[in-house]
Amino acid sequence: MNVKQFCNKAISIFKAEIVFTISLFIALITSMISPPKLDYINFKVLILLFNLMIVISAFTRLKLLDKIAVEILTKHKSLRMVSLILTFVCFISSMLITNDVALITFVPLTMVIARKAKFNPIKTVIFETLAVNIGSSLTPMGNPQNLYLFSFFNIGILAFFKLTIFFVVIGALWLFMLNRRIPNINLEFNLDKIEIKDKKSVIIYCSLFIFILFSVFNVVDYRIAFIISVLVSSIIEKELFKEVDYFLLLTFVCFFIAIGNLSNMTIIDNFMKRILINNTNVYFSSIFFSQLISNLPCAILLSKFTNSWKELLIGVNIGGMGTIIASLASLISYKFYAKEYDGKKYIIKFTIYNFISLIVFTALFYIFLIV
């Protein structure tokens, strides 16, 4: 590969991985102002993410989740019921396999069903996106910001669930209400039957997944879980290492460095200390900044200046609603939809439904948490 080919390939990667590119740019710029330090990087979060990516890649290859979804869908033909099932499959699965993986897994299935049954899945895809951003809030491994905050503040698992369970229950009711806007018409479609051929690997990776969950909850050392994940995958399926989203891990590294640099700048330090003076300000700041820089970097940034983890945790999860960049997972479903349908129309409807949801949840949990 000559220099020109290398440059062209690098440019194409930077264009495709726009979030990584932005985070790298911010990390480089801030490093020129404030020298970076190695201890800015939270290696525990990175390793936990890597472990989860490995096992979820295995589930995807083994078509385990696809089989569950198809088995359920073949028993129902109503558009409203199909939409409800798809939405809640995303909702429940995101609690365990993260919001972005749930969308990567089930939005393509939604598009296949839509093509076969000849309907526009715009509302279903929007509700699926809302579902993963709400459902993933329940567990520490449901989304990256939860995993980060759970680890950073060393939150007890009971305290964590006590806070998030109410959010998710209200979210489930809200999603059910939204789904009533889907027409109740009958569909005709056929889905290919999915057979799981390698049942032995399914058992092994399900067991590994449980072991990794123990490391998330600090029952076992996350480094031991990392070693076992690498060993198991090296023996059974080396190709899994190619499917890990290394750019997401690098994006985390860049955000850790950028936020570490920013938090050590006097002007940023003074500004954050002025605005994050109480629980109410932490709550509203986390929601507001999530709309501008997305909820993951918002969680990393604000965590450096406050101990109000409850308000920050709920705030960044609510903040995943609203703009399409508020939760980076939302861009995944947009990309899938825009390949086959009108992307502009999707953005408009997505923004309407998400901002209505944002206003409802912001008001409700202000009363629940603050008042």
Protein backbone atom coordinates (compact mmCIF):
# COMPACT_ATOMS: atom_id res chain seq x y z
CA MET A 1 0.00 0.00 0.00
CA ASN A 2 1.51 3.32 -1.09
CA VAL A 3 1.17 6.65 0.73
CA LYS A 4 -1.77 7.83 -1.41
CA GLN A 5 -3.75 4.62 -0.84
CA PHE A 6 -3.02 4.78 2.88
CA CYS A 7 -4.23 8.40 3.07
CA ASN A 8 -7.40 7.60 1.10
CA LYS A 9 -8.16 4.66 3.36
CA ALA A 10 -7.54 6.76 6.48
CA ILE A 11 -9.84 9.51 5.18
CA SER A 12 -12.60 6.98 4.43
CA ILE A 13 -12.29 5.57 7.95
CA PHE A 14 -12.44 9.02 9.53
CA LYS A 15 -15.55 9.82 7.49
CA ALA A 16 -17.25 6.54 8.40
CA GLU A 17 -16.34 6.80 12.11
CA ILE A 18 -17.39 10.41 12.57
CA VAL A 19 -17.87 10.17 16.36
CA PHE A 20 -14.37 8.73 16.79
CA THR A 21 -12.99 11.45 14.51
CA ILE A 22 -14.62 14.19 16.57
CA SER A 23 -13.45 12.67 19.86
CA LEU A 24 -9.89 12.30 18.50
CA PHE A 25 -9.89 15.92 17.32
CA ILE A 26 -11.09 17.16 20.72
CA ALA A 27 -8.52 14.98 22.53
CA LEU A 28 -5.69 16.33 20.38
CA ILE A 29 -6.76 19.97 20.71
CA THR A 30 -7.24 19.78 24.49
CA SER A 31 -3.92 17.94 24.86
CA MET A 32 -2.18 20.97 23.34
CA ILE A 33 -3.63 23.14 26.11
CA SER A 34 -3.44 20.72 29.03
CA PRO A 35 -0.96 17.79 28.99
CA PRO A 36 -2.81 14.42 29.09
CA LYS A 37 -2.22 11.81 31.79
CA LEU A 38 -2.52 8.03 31.63
CA ASP A 39 -4.71 7.92 34.72
CA TYR A 40 -7.44 9.80 32.81
CA ILE A 41 -8.22 6.51 31.06
CA ASN A 42 -10.63 4.19 32.89
CA PHE A 43 -9.22 0.80 31.84
CA LYS A 44 -11.86 -1.11 33.81
CA VAL A 45 -14.66 0.34 31.67
CA LEU A 46 -12.71 -0.43 28.48
CA ILE A 47 -12.12 -4.05 29.50
CA LEU A 48 -15.73 -4.57 30.56
CA LEU A 49 -16.89 -3.19 27.21
CA PHE A 50 -14.48 -5.44 25.33
CA ASN A 51 -15.71 -8.52 27.22
CA LEU A 52 -19.34 -7.69 26.46
CA MET A 53 -18.60 -7.02 22.78
CA ILE A 54 -16.93 -10.42 22.42
CA VAL A 55 -19.86 -12.36 23.82
CA ILE A 56 -22.49 -10.30 21.97
CA SER A 57 -20.61 -10.86 18.71
CA ALA A 58 -20.80 -14.58 19.47
CA PHE A 59 -24.56 -14.36 20.06
CA THR A 60 -24.95 -12.54 16.75
CA ARG A 61 -22.91 -15.15 14.85
CA LEU A 62 -24.87 -17.98 16.48
CA LYS A 63 -28.16 -16.20 15.56
CA LEU A 64 -29.50 -16.76 19.05
CA LEU A 65 -31.43 -13.48 19.33
CA ASP A 66 -32.69 -13.70 15.75
CA LYS A 67 -34.21 -17.09 16.47
CA ILE A 68 -36.02 -15.82 19.57
CA ALA A 69 -37.43 -12.83 17.67
CA VAL A 70 -38.52 -14.85 14.63
CA GLU A 71 -40.22 -17.50 16.79
CA ILE A 72 -42.26 -14.79 18.47
CA LEU A 73 -43.11 -12.89 15.28
CA THR A 74 -44.34 -15.91 13.33
CA LYS A 75 -47.19 -16.21 15.83
CA HIS A 76 -48.55 -12.69 15.24
CA LYS A 77 -49.81 -10.93 12.10
CA SER A 78 -51.27 -7.59 13.26
CA LEU A 79 -49.09 -4.58 12.37
CA ARG A 80 -49.70 -3.06 15.80
CA MET A 81 -48.83 -6.32 17.56
CA VAL A 82 -45.75 -6.90 15.38
CA SER A 83 -44.58 -3.36 16.16
CA LEU A 84 -45.23 -3.88 19.87
CA ILE A 85 -43.28 -7.17 19.89
CA LEU A 86 -40.33 -5.70 18.00
CA THR A 87 -40.31 -2.66 20.28
CA PHE A 88 -40.31 -4.74 23.45
CA VAL A 89 -37.80 -7.27 22.12
CA CYS A 90 -35.49 -4.25 21.67
CA PHE A 91 -36.54 -2.91 25.07
CA ILE A 92 -35.75 -6.13 26.96
CA SER A 93 -32.68 -7.22 24.99
CA SER A 94 -31.02 -3.79 25.42
CA MET A 95 -30.89 -4.41 29.16
CA LEU A 96 -28.37 -7.18 28.57
CA ILE A 97 -26.73 -6.64 25.18
CA THR A 98 -26.51 -2.79 25.16
CA ASN A 99 -28.69 -0.33 23.25
CA ASP A 100 -26.56 -0.15 20.09
CA VAL A 101 -26.24 -3.94 19.74
CA ALA A 102 -30.01 -4.35 20.19
CA LEU A 103 -30.61 -1.92 17.31
CA ILE A 104 -27.95 -3.54 15.12
CA THR A 105 -29.63 -6.89 15.75
CA PHE A 106 -33.32 -6.08 15.44
CA VAL A 107 -33.73 -3.02 13.18
CA PRO A 108 -32.51 -5.02 10.14
CA LEU A 109 -35.10 -7.68 11.06
CA THR A 110 -37.74 -4.94 11.16
CA MET A 111 -36.69 -3.78 7.69
CA VAL A 112 -36.96 -7.35 6.36
CA ILE A 113 -40.47 -7.72 7.79
CA ALA A 114 -41.46 -4.32 6.35
CA ARG A 115 -40.27 -5.31 2.87
CA LYS A 116 -42.06 -8.65 2.98
CA ALA A 117 -45.30 -7.20 4.37
CA LYS A 118 -45.07 -3.98 2.30
CA PHE A 119 -45.44 -1.31 4.99
CA ASN A 120 -43.36 1.72 6.00
CA PRO A 121 -41.71 0.93 9.36
CA ILE A 122 -40.89 4.55 10.29
CA LYS A 123 -42.84 4.64 13.57
CA THR A 124 -41.76 1.14 14.55
CA VAL A 125 -38.06 2.00 14.06
CA ILE A 126 -38.48 5.23 16.05
CA PHE A 127 -40.21 3.35 18.88
CA GLU A 128 -37.49 0.68 18.81
CA THR A 129 -34.89 3.42 19.20
CA LEU A 130 -36.76 4.94 22.13
CA ALA A 131 -37.15 1.44 23.57
CA VAL A 132 -33.42 0.65 23.62
CA ASN A 133 -32.54 4.04 25.08
CA ILE A 134 -35.10 3.51 27.86
CA GLY A 135 -34.67 -0.24 28.41
CA SER A 136 -30.87 -0.10 28.48
CA SER A 137 -31.11 2.29 31.42
CA LEU A 138 -32.09 -0.55 33.76
CA THR A 139 -28.72 -2.30 33.99
CA PRO A 140 -25.08 -1.18 34.33
CA MET A 141 -24.15 -2.97 31.09
CA GLY A 142 -27.20 -1.70 29.18
CA ASN A 143 -25.36 1.32 27.77
CA PRO A 144 -21.85 2.80 27.97
CA GLN A 145 -22.73 5.73 30.23
CA ASN A 146 -24.36 3.42 32.78
CA LEU A 147 -21.32 1.16 32.81
CA TYR A 148 -19.05 4.17 33.25
CA LEU A 149 -21.06 5.78 36.06
CA PHE A 150 -21.60 2.45 37.84
CA SER A 151 -17.85 1.89 37.85
CA PHE A 152 -16.79 5.51 38.47
CA PHE A 153 -19.02 6.07 41.52
CA ASN A 154 -18.76 2.45 42.68
CA ILE A 155 -22.56 2.30 42.96
CA GLY A 156 -24.10 -0.61 44.84
CA ILE A 157 -26.21 -2.86 42.63
CA LEU A 158 -29.34 -2.55 44.81
CA ALA A 159 -29.05 1.24 44.91
CA PHE A 160 -28.60 1.26 41.14
CA PHE A 161 -31.67 -0.89 40.42
CA LYS A 162 -33.76 0.95 42.98
CA LEU A 163 -33.23 4.12 40.96
CA THR A 164 -33.50 2.74 37.42
CA ILE A 165 -36.42 0.33 37.84
CA PHE A 166 -38.99 3.13 38.17
CA PHE A 167 -37.59 4.86 35.08
CA VAL A 168 -37.87 1.66 33.04
CA VAL A 169 -41.37 0.75 34.28
CA ILE A 170 -42.67 4.22 33.36
CA GLY A 171 -40.81 3.88 30.05
CA ALA A 172 -42.55 0.58 29.29
CA LEU A 173 -45.97 2.16 29.88
CA TRP A 174 -45.00 5.13 27.70
CA LEU A 175 -43.87 2.85 24.85
CA PHE A 176 -47.12 0.88 25.08
CA MET A 177 -49.10 4.12 24.77
CA LEU A 178 -47.03 5.29 21.79
CA ASN A 179 -47.50 1.95 20.05
CA ARG A 180 -51.27 2.58 20.01
CA ARG A 181 -50.54 5.05 17.20
CA ILE A 182 -49.62 2.13 14.92
CA PRO A 183 -52.56 1.07 12.68
CA ASN A 184 -54.18 -2.22 13.76
CA ILE A 185 -54.16 -3.89 10.35
CA ASN A 186 -53.31 -7.48 9.39
CA LEU A 187 -50.04 -8.30 7.61
CA GLU A 188 -48.93 -11.19 5.49
CA PHE A 189 -45.25 -12.10 5.64
CA ASN A 190 -42.96 -15.12 5.75
CA LEU A 191 -39.70 -15.25 7.67
CA ASP A 192 -36.97 -17.77 7.06
CA LYS A 193 -36.77 -20.35 9.82
CA ILE A 194 -33.58 -20.00 11.84
CA GLU A 195 -31.80 -23.09 13.09
CA ILE A 196 -29.08 -22.91 15.72
CA LYS A 197 -26.54 -25.48 14.57
CA ASP A 198 -23.79 -25.03 17.15
CA LYS A 199 -25.69 -25.57 20.41
CA LYS A 200 -22.50 -26.38 22.29
CA SER A 201 -21.10 -22.91 21.54
CA VAL A 202 -24.40 -21.33 22.61
CA ILE A 203 -24.11 -22.99 26.03
CA ILE A 204 -20.45 -21.94 26.36
CA TYR A 205 -21.08 -18.30 25.45
CA CYS A 206 -24.21 -18.07 27.60
CA SER A 207 -22.09 -19.29 30.51
CA LEU A 208 -19.35 -16.80 29.60
CA PHE A 209 -21.95 -14.02 29.46
CA ILE A 210 -23.10 -14.85 33.00
CA PHE A 211 -19.47 -14.86 34.18
CA ILE A 212 -18.90 -11.45 32.56
CA LEU A 213 -22.01 -10.12 34.32
CA PHE A 214 -20.46 -11.23 37.61
CA SER A 215 -17.42 -9.09 36.74
CA VAL A 216 -19.67 -6.11 35.95
CA PHE A 217 -21.22 -6.47 39.40
CA ASN A 218 -17.75 -6.86 41.00
CA VAL A 219 -18.43 -10.44 42.12
CA VAL A 220 -15.34 -11.58 40.18
CA ASP A 221 -12.33 -9.58 39.00
CA TYR A 222 -12.94 -8.01 35.58
CA ARG A 223 -9.35 -8.86 34.56
CA ILE A 224 -10.02 -12.56 35.14
CA ALA A 225 -13.16 -12.26 33.02
CA PHE A 226 -11.05 -10.59 30.31
CA ILE A 227 -8.50 -13.42 30.29
CA ILE A 228 -11.21 -16.08 30.14
CA SER A 229 -13.06 -14.22 27.35
CA VAL A 230 -9.89 -14.03 25.28
CA LEU A 231 -8.99 -17.68 25.90
CA VAL A 232 -12.48 -19.02 25.12
CA SER A 233 -12.79 -16.96 21.93
CA SER A 234 -9.25 -17.89 20.84
CA ILE A 235 -10.14 -21.57 21.10
CA ILE A 236 -13.69 -21.50 19.71
CA GLU A 237 -13.91 -18.60 17.26
CA LYS A 238 -10.94 -16.29 16.60
CA GLU A 239 -12.98 -14.33 14.06
CA LEU A 240 -14.88 -12.74 16.95
CA PHE A 241 -11.89 -10.48 17.64
CA LYS A 242 -12.40 -8.88 14.22
CA GLU A 243 -16.00 -8.02 15.09
CA VAL A 244 -15.20 -6.04 18.23
CA ASP A 245 -15.94 -2.34 17.72
CA TYR A 246 -12.41 -1.08 18.39
CA PHE A 247 -13.36 2.40 17.22
CA LEU A 248 -15.91 2.58 20.05
CA LEU A 249 -13.16 1.61 22.51
CA LEU A 250 -10.83 4.21 20.98
CA THR A 251 -13.65 6.76 21.14
CA PHE A 252 -13.87 6.07 24.88
CA VAL A 253 -10.11 6.55 25.22
CA CYS A 254 -10.30 9.88 23.36
CA PHE A 255 -13.23 11.06 25.49
CA PHE A 256 -11.43 10.03 28.68
CA ILE A 257 -8.38 12.05 27.62
CA ALA A 258 -10.41 15.03 26.37
CA ILE A 259 -12.59 15.19 29.50
CA GLY A 260 -9.52 14.74 31.72
CA ASN A 261 -7.81 17.61 29.94
CA LEU A 262 -10.90 19.83 30.08
CA SER A 263 -11.53 19.15 33.76
CA ASN A 264 -8.01 20.34 34.54
CA MET A 265 -8.47 23.64 32.71
CA THR A 266 -9.17 26.45 35.17
CA ILE A 267 -11.92 28.05 33.07
CA ILE A 268 -13.83 24.75 32.67
CA ASP A 269 -13.27 23.83 36.30
CA ASN A 270 -14.67 27.17 37.50
CA PHE A 271 -17.63 27.03 35.09
CA MET A 272 -18.66 23.51 36.10
CA LYS A 273 -18.26 24.25 39.80
CA ARG A 274 -20.51 27.30 39.39
CA ILE A 275 -23.34 25.51 37.59
CA LEU A 276 -23.24 22.10 39.34
CA ILE A 277 -23.95 23.57 42.78
CA ASN A 278 -26.96 21.39 43.65
CA ASN A 279 -28.89 18.28 42.60
CA THR A 280 -31.35 20.24 40.47
CA ASN A 281 -28.58 21.82 38.40
CA VAL A 282 -26.83 18.46 37.94
CA TYR A 283 -30.09 16.92 36.73
CA PHE A 284 -30.94 19.62 34.19
CA SER A 285 -27.32 20.12 33.09
CA SER A 286 -26.94 16.41 32.31
CA ILE A 287 -30.10 16.48 30.18
CA PHE A 288 -29.11 19.73 28.42
CA PHE A 289 -25.49 18.83 27.64
CA SER A 290 -26.58 15.38 26.41
CA GLN A 291 -28.50 17.11 23.61
CA LEU A 292 -25.32 18.84 22.45
CA ILE A 293 -22.50 16.34 22.96
CA SER A 294 -24.49 13.07 23.55
CA ASN A 295 -25.05 11.39 26.88
CA LEU A 296 -21.82 9.37 27.07
CA PRO A 297 -19.30 12.27 26.97
CA CYS A 298 -21.74 14.28 29.09
CA ALA A 299 -21.64 11.57 31.78
CA ILE A 300 -17.84 11.47 31.69
CA LEU A 301 -17.50 15.26 31.85
CA LEU A 302 -20.01 15.99 34.62
CA SER A 303 -18.90 13.07 36.79
CA LYS A 304 -15.62 14.91 37.41
CA PHE A 305 -17.44 17.78 39.15
CA THR A 306 -20.25 16.24 41.18
CA ASN A 307 -21.09 13.46 43.60
CA SER A 308 -24.82 13.61 42.75
CA TRP A 309 -24.74 10.29 40.91
CA LYS A 310 -28.51 9.70 41.08
CA GLU A 311 -29.36 12.95 39.29
CA LEU A 312 -26.53 12.44 36.81
CA LEU A 313 -27.48 8.83 36.06
CA ILE A 314 -31.15 9.55 35.45
CA GLY A 315 -30.31 12.83 33.68
CA VAL A 316 -28.03 11.30 31.04
CA ASN A 317 -30.48 8.46 30.44
CA ILE A 318 -33.37 10.87 29.95
CA GLY A 319 -30.96 12.99 27.92
CA GLY A 320 -30.65 10.12 25.44
CA MET A 321 -34.04 11.27 24.12
CA GLY A 322 -34.32 14.52 22.16
CA THR A 323 -31.84 15.19 19.36
CA ILE A 324 -30.61 12.36 17.19
CA ILE A 325 -27.09 12.78 18.58
CA ALA A 326 -28.24 12.75 22.22
CA SER A 327 -27.72 8.99 22.19
CA LEU A 328 -25.22 7.73 19.64
CA ALA A 329 -27.24 4.51 19.31
CA SER A 330 -30.01 6.56 17.65
CA LEU A 331 -27.77 7.10 14.64
CA ILE A 332 -27.67 3.34 14.04
CA SER A 333 -31.41 2.98 13.43
CA TYR A 334 -31.40 6.17 11.33
CA LYS A 335 -28.72 4.73 9.03
CA PHE A 336 -30.66 1.49 8.53
CA TYR A 337 -33.91 3.32 7.79
CA ALA A 338 -32.38 5.99 5.51
CA LYS A 339 -30.89 3.33 3.22
CA GLU A 340 -34.38 2.37 2.01
CA TYR A 341 -36.71 5.24 2.90
CA ASP A 342 -36.87 9.03 3.27
CA GLY A 343 -34.25 10.01 5.84
CA LYS A 344 -35.51 13.61 6.21
CA LYS A 345 -39.02 12.47 7.08
CA TYR A 346 -37.53 10.11 9.65
CA ILE A 347 -35.54 12.92 11.30
CA ILE A 348 -38.68 15.06 11.59
CA LYS A 349 -40.83 12.31 13.13
CA PHE A 350 -37.97 11.09 15.30
CA THR A 351 -37.42 14.60 16.69
CA ILE A 352 -41.14 15.10 17.43
CA TYR A 353 -41.56 11.80 19.29
CA ASN A 354 -38.25 12.15 21.12
CA PHE A 355 -38.77 15.72 22.30
CA ILE A 356 -42.28 14.92 23.52
CA SER A 357 -40.77 11.97 25.42
CA LEU A 358 -37.93 14.17 26.70
CA ILE A 359 -40.34 16.77 28.08
CA VAL A 360 -42.60 14.15 29.72
CA PHE A 361 -39.72 12.27 31.40
CA THR A 362 -37.83 15.42 32.41
CA ALA A 363 -40.90 16.81 34.20
CA LEU A 364 -41.91 13.49 35.74
CA PHE A 365 -38.50 12.63 37.16
CA TYR A 366 -37.88 16.18 38.34
CA ILE A 367 -40.86 15.63 40.63
CA PHE A 368 -39.71 12.08 41.51
CA LEU A 369 -36.04 12.93 42.16
CA ILE A 370 -35.78 16.56 43.13
CA VAL A 371 -39.04 17.91 44.54
